[in-house]
């Protein structure tokens, strides 16, 4: 009888450990994208476009997201105007803004994440590194386990990362807020 109880105890612990197994999901960089929007402070005008991921991973324990790390390829900043030879992309890539020759990558590392089941929302606190400057950033994300996606929308204050135009008057004409609409797709 003791052997049976011991066997059942070991079996149940093994099953519990298997259910709580750590999993790393690899980002599908071809199907994941960051859409960005920057607006003028005193005009009804904006610029928007995309930037691509270089790589990324999302970590889970069981069905709970526990962290993640993502590398953004800043050299891929683009928008529709740029494709037709117009728009701000060249300027965004130079020293006035992102200085992609010196800082070709941005990094986001999830530090803590809390799941709210009633709204299917994750509150995320991450370290966001742009131009070699790391700042804490909070945002909310929604995960979909059936499509292996994570989506979020948030804004940053570009001045926290030293993303400022070298002309004070022109810098004040640009909103400090930059919006991001992010769709992360993970490989099965």
Protein backbone atom coordinates (compact mmCIF):
# COMPACT_ATOMS: atom_id res chain seq x y z
CA UNK A 1 0.00 0.00 0.00
CA UNK A 2 2.81 2.40 0.85
CA UNK A 3 4.42 1.71 -2.53
CA UNK A 4 1.13 2.53 -4.27
CA UNK A 5 0.77 5.82 -2.36
CA UNK A 6 4.40 6.71 -3.06
CA UNK A 7 3.95 5.88 -6.78
CA UNK A 8 0.78 8.01 -6.99
CA UNK A 9 2.56 10.89 -5.21
CA UNK A 10 5.51 10.77 -7.63
CA UNK A 11 3.19 10.48 -10.63
CA UNK A 12 1.05 13.46 -9.55
CA UNK A 13 4.15 15.61 -8.94
CA UNK A 14 5.52 14.63 -12.35
CA UNK A 15 2.23 15.59 -14.03
CA UNK A 16 2.11 18.88 -12.13
CA UNK A 17 5.70 19.68 -13.12
CA UNK A 18 4.89 18.90 -16.78
CA UNK A 19 1.91 21.29 -16.66
CA UNK A 20 4.13 24.05 -15.25
CA UNK A 21 6.90 23.54 -17.81
CA UNK A 22 8.73 26.61 -19.03
CA UNK A 23 8.25 27.33 -22.74
CA UNK A 24 9.98 29.83 -25.01
CA UNK A 25 7.99 31.08 -28.00
CA UNK A 26 10.09 32.43 -30.89
CA UNK A 27 8.89 35.60 -32.62
CA UNK A 28 7.84 35.25 -36.25
CA UNK A 29 9.62 38.37 -37.51
CA UNK A 30 8.06 38.13 -40.99
CA UNK A 31 4.52 38.48 -39.62
CA UNK A 32 5.16 40.72 -36.60
CA UNK A 33 5.19 44.50 -36.97
CA UNK A 34 5.29 47.79 -35.12
CA UNK A 35 3.15 50.53 -36.64
CA UNK A 36 4.25 53.99 -35.47
CA UNK A 37 2.57 57.39 -35.57
CA UNK A 38 4.11 60.79 -34.90
CA UNK A 39 2.07 63.96 -35.02
CA UNK A 40 2.70 67.68 -35.18
CA UNK A 41 1.85 69.60 -32.01
CA UNK A 42 -0.09 72.45 -33.62
CA UNK A 43 -1.20 71.01 -36.96
CA UNK A 44 -3.70 68.43 -38.08
CA UNK A 45 -1.00 66.36 -39.70
CA UNK A 46 0.92 63.23 -38.89
CA UNK A 47 3.42 60.74 -40.21
CA UNK A 48 3.00 57.01 -39.74
CA UNK A 49 4.81 53.92 -40.84
CA UNK A 50 6.33 50.66 -39.73
CA UNK A 51 9.47 49.24 -38.16
CA UNK A 52 10.37 45.55 -38.10
CA UNK A 53 11.64 43.18 -35.45
CA UNK A 54 15.05 41.54 -35.73
CA UNK A 55 14.25 38.78 -33.23
CA UNK A 56 12.30 38.05 -30.08
CA UNK A 57 11.18 35.49 -27.53
CA UNK A 58 8.24 35.24 -25.16
CA UNK A 59 8.58 33.12 -22.02
CA UNK A 60 5.78 31.23 -20.29
CA UNK A 61 5.38 28.90 -17.37
CA UNK A 62 2.37 26.71 -17.96
CA UNK A 63 -0.11 29.09 -19.61
CA UNK A 64 1.21 32.19 -17.83
CA UNK A 65 3.41 34.71 -19.65
CA UNK A 66 6.44 35.40 -17.46
CA UNK A 67 8.69 37.54 -19.65
CA UNK A 68 10.11 38.27 -23.04
CA UNK A 69 12.90 39.99 -24.95
CA UNK A 70 12.68 41.70 -28.31
CA UNK A 71 15.16 43.37 -30.64
CA UNK A 72 13.81 46.01 -33.02
CA UNK A 73 15.70 46.69 -36.25
CA UNK A 74 15.72 50.50 -36.34
CA UNK A 75 17.20 50.49 -39.85
CA UNK A 76 13.81 49.29 -41.13
CA UNK A 77 11.88 52.46 -40.19
CA UNK A 78 9.68 53.17 -43.18
CA UNK A 79 6.42 54.74 -44.31
CA UNK A 80 4.36 55.06 -47.50
CA UNK A 81 5.64 58.59 -48.25
CA UNK A 82 9.24 57.32 -48.15
CA UNK A 83 8.46 54.63 -50.71
CA UNK A 84 7.55 57.40 -53.18
CA UNK A 85 10.68 59.42 -52.36
CA UNK A 86 9.06 61.77 -49.84
CA UNK A 87 8.47 61.79 -46.11
CA UNK A 88 10.55 61.99 -42.95
CA UNK A 89 12.25 58.57 -42.88
CA UNK A 90 15.72 59.79 -43.84
CA UNK A 91 15.45 62.47 -41.19
CA UNK A 92 14.16 60.00 -38.58
CA UNK A 93 17.18 57.78 -39.22
CA UNK A 94 19.78 60.56 -38.86
CA UNK A 95 21.31 62.10 -35.72
CA UNK A 96 18.36 64.47 -35.20
CA UNK A 97 16.17 61.58 -34.10
CA UNK A 98 17.11 57.88 -33.89
CA UNK A 99 20.71 57.99 -35.20
CA UNK A 100 20.38 54.47 -36.63
CA UNK A 101 23.96 54.43 -37.94
CA UNK A 102 25.13 54.53 -34.31
CA UNK A 103 22.12 52.75 -32.73
CA UNK A 104 20.77 50.25 -35.29
CA UNK A 105 18.76 48.34 -32.68
CA UNK A 106 16.27 49.08 -29.93
CA UNK A 107 15.55 46.55 -27.19
CA UNK A 108 12.51 45.75 -25.07
CA UNK A 109 12.80 43.38 -22.11
CA UNK A 110 9.73 42.46 -20.07
CA UNK A 111 10.53 42.75 -16.36
CA UNK A 112 7.15 41.96 -14.79
CA UNK A 113 3.77 41.02 -16.15
CA UNK A 114 0.42 40.60 -14.41
CA UNK A 115 -2.61 38.91 -15.98
CA UNK A 116 -6.15 40.18 -15.42
CA UNK A 117 -8.45 37.28 -16.35
CA UNK A 118 -11.69 39.31 -16.28
CA UNK A 119 -10.46 41.54 -19.15
CA UNK A 120 -7.94 39.12 -20.74
CA UNK A 121 -5.34 41.86 -20.34
CA UNK A 122 -1.71 41.77 -19.30
CA UNK A 123 -0.15 44.73 -17.49
CA UNK A 124 3.46 44.81 -18.66
CA UNK A 125 6.44 46.63 -17.16
CA UNK A 126 9.44 46.55 -19.46
CA UNK A 127 12.86 48.08 -19.93
CA UNK A 128 12.84 49.85 -23.30
CA UNK A 129 16.24 50.81 -24.72
CA UNK A 130 16.41 53.33 -27.56
CA UNK A 131 19.61 55.13 -28.59
CA UNK A 132 21.46 53.37 -25.76
CA UNK A 133 19.12 54.87 -23.14
CA UNK A 134 17.03 52.47 -21.04
CA UNK A 135 13.79 53.62 -19.45
CA UNK A 136 10.95 51.74 -17.80
CA UNK A 137 7.77 51.57 -19.89
CA UNK A 138 4.32 50.33 -18.87
CA UNK A 139 1.72 49.09 -21.34
CA UNK A 140 -1.21 46.71 -21.58
CA UNK A 141 -1.29 43.75 -23.96
CA UNK A 142 -3.76 41.08 -25.04
CA UNK A 143 -2.63 37.53 -25.77
CA UNK A 144 -4.47 35.07 -27.99
CA UNK A 145 -3.30 31.49 -27.45
CA UNK A 146 -5.24 30.13 -30.43
CA UNK A 147 -3.41 32.40 -32.91
CA UNK A 148 -0.17 32.73 -30.88
CA UNK A 149 -0.37 36.53 -30.97
CA UNK A 150 0.19 39.36 -28.54
CA UNK A 151 -1.12 42.83 -29.38
CA UNK A 152 -0.71 46.20 -27.71
CA UNK A 153 -1.10 49.91 -28.31
CA UNK A 154 0.86 52.47 -26.29
CA UNK A 155 2.62 55.80 -26.50
CA UNK A 156 6.03 56.93 -25.34
CA UNK A 157 7.41 60.37 -24.61
CA UNK A 158 10.25 60.51 -27.16
CA UNK A 159 12.18 63.09 -25.10
CA UNK A 160 12.81 60.50 -22.33
CA UNK A 161 15.13 58.73 -24.79
CA UNK A 162 16.77 61.87 -26.14
CA UNK A 163 14.83 61.71 -29.40
CA UNK A 164 14.78 65.43 -30.05
CA UNK A 165 15.25 67.59 -33.10
CA UNK A 166 18.40 69.75 -32.92
CA UNK A 167 16.32 72.86 -33.69
CA UNK A 168 14.43 73.97 -30.56
CA UNK A 169 11.64 75.76 -32.44
CA UNK A 170 11.09 72.85 -34.82
CA UNK A 171 11.31 70.36 -31.94
CA UNK A 172 8.43 72.13 -30.17
CA UNK A 173 6.33 71.82 -33.35
CA UNK A 174 6.48 68.01 -33.00
CA UNK A 175 4.41 66.24 -30.37
CA UNK A 176 6.50 64.49 -27.71
CA UNK A 177 4.17 61.48 -27.95
CA UNK A 178 4.91 58.70 -30.41
CA UNK A 179 2.24 56.04 -30.77
CA UNK A 180 2.83 52.34 -31.35
CA UNK A 181 0.38 49.68 -32.50
CA UNK A 182 2.19 46.35 -32.14
CA UNK A 183 1.28 42.88 -33.34
CA UNK A 184 3.55 40.04 -32.27
CA UNK A 185 3.11 36.64 -33.91
CA UNK A 186 4.90 33.63 -32.48
CA UNK A 187 5.99 30.45 -34.27
CA UNK A 188 4.21 27.25 -33.31
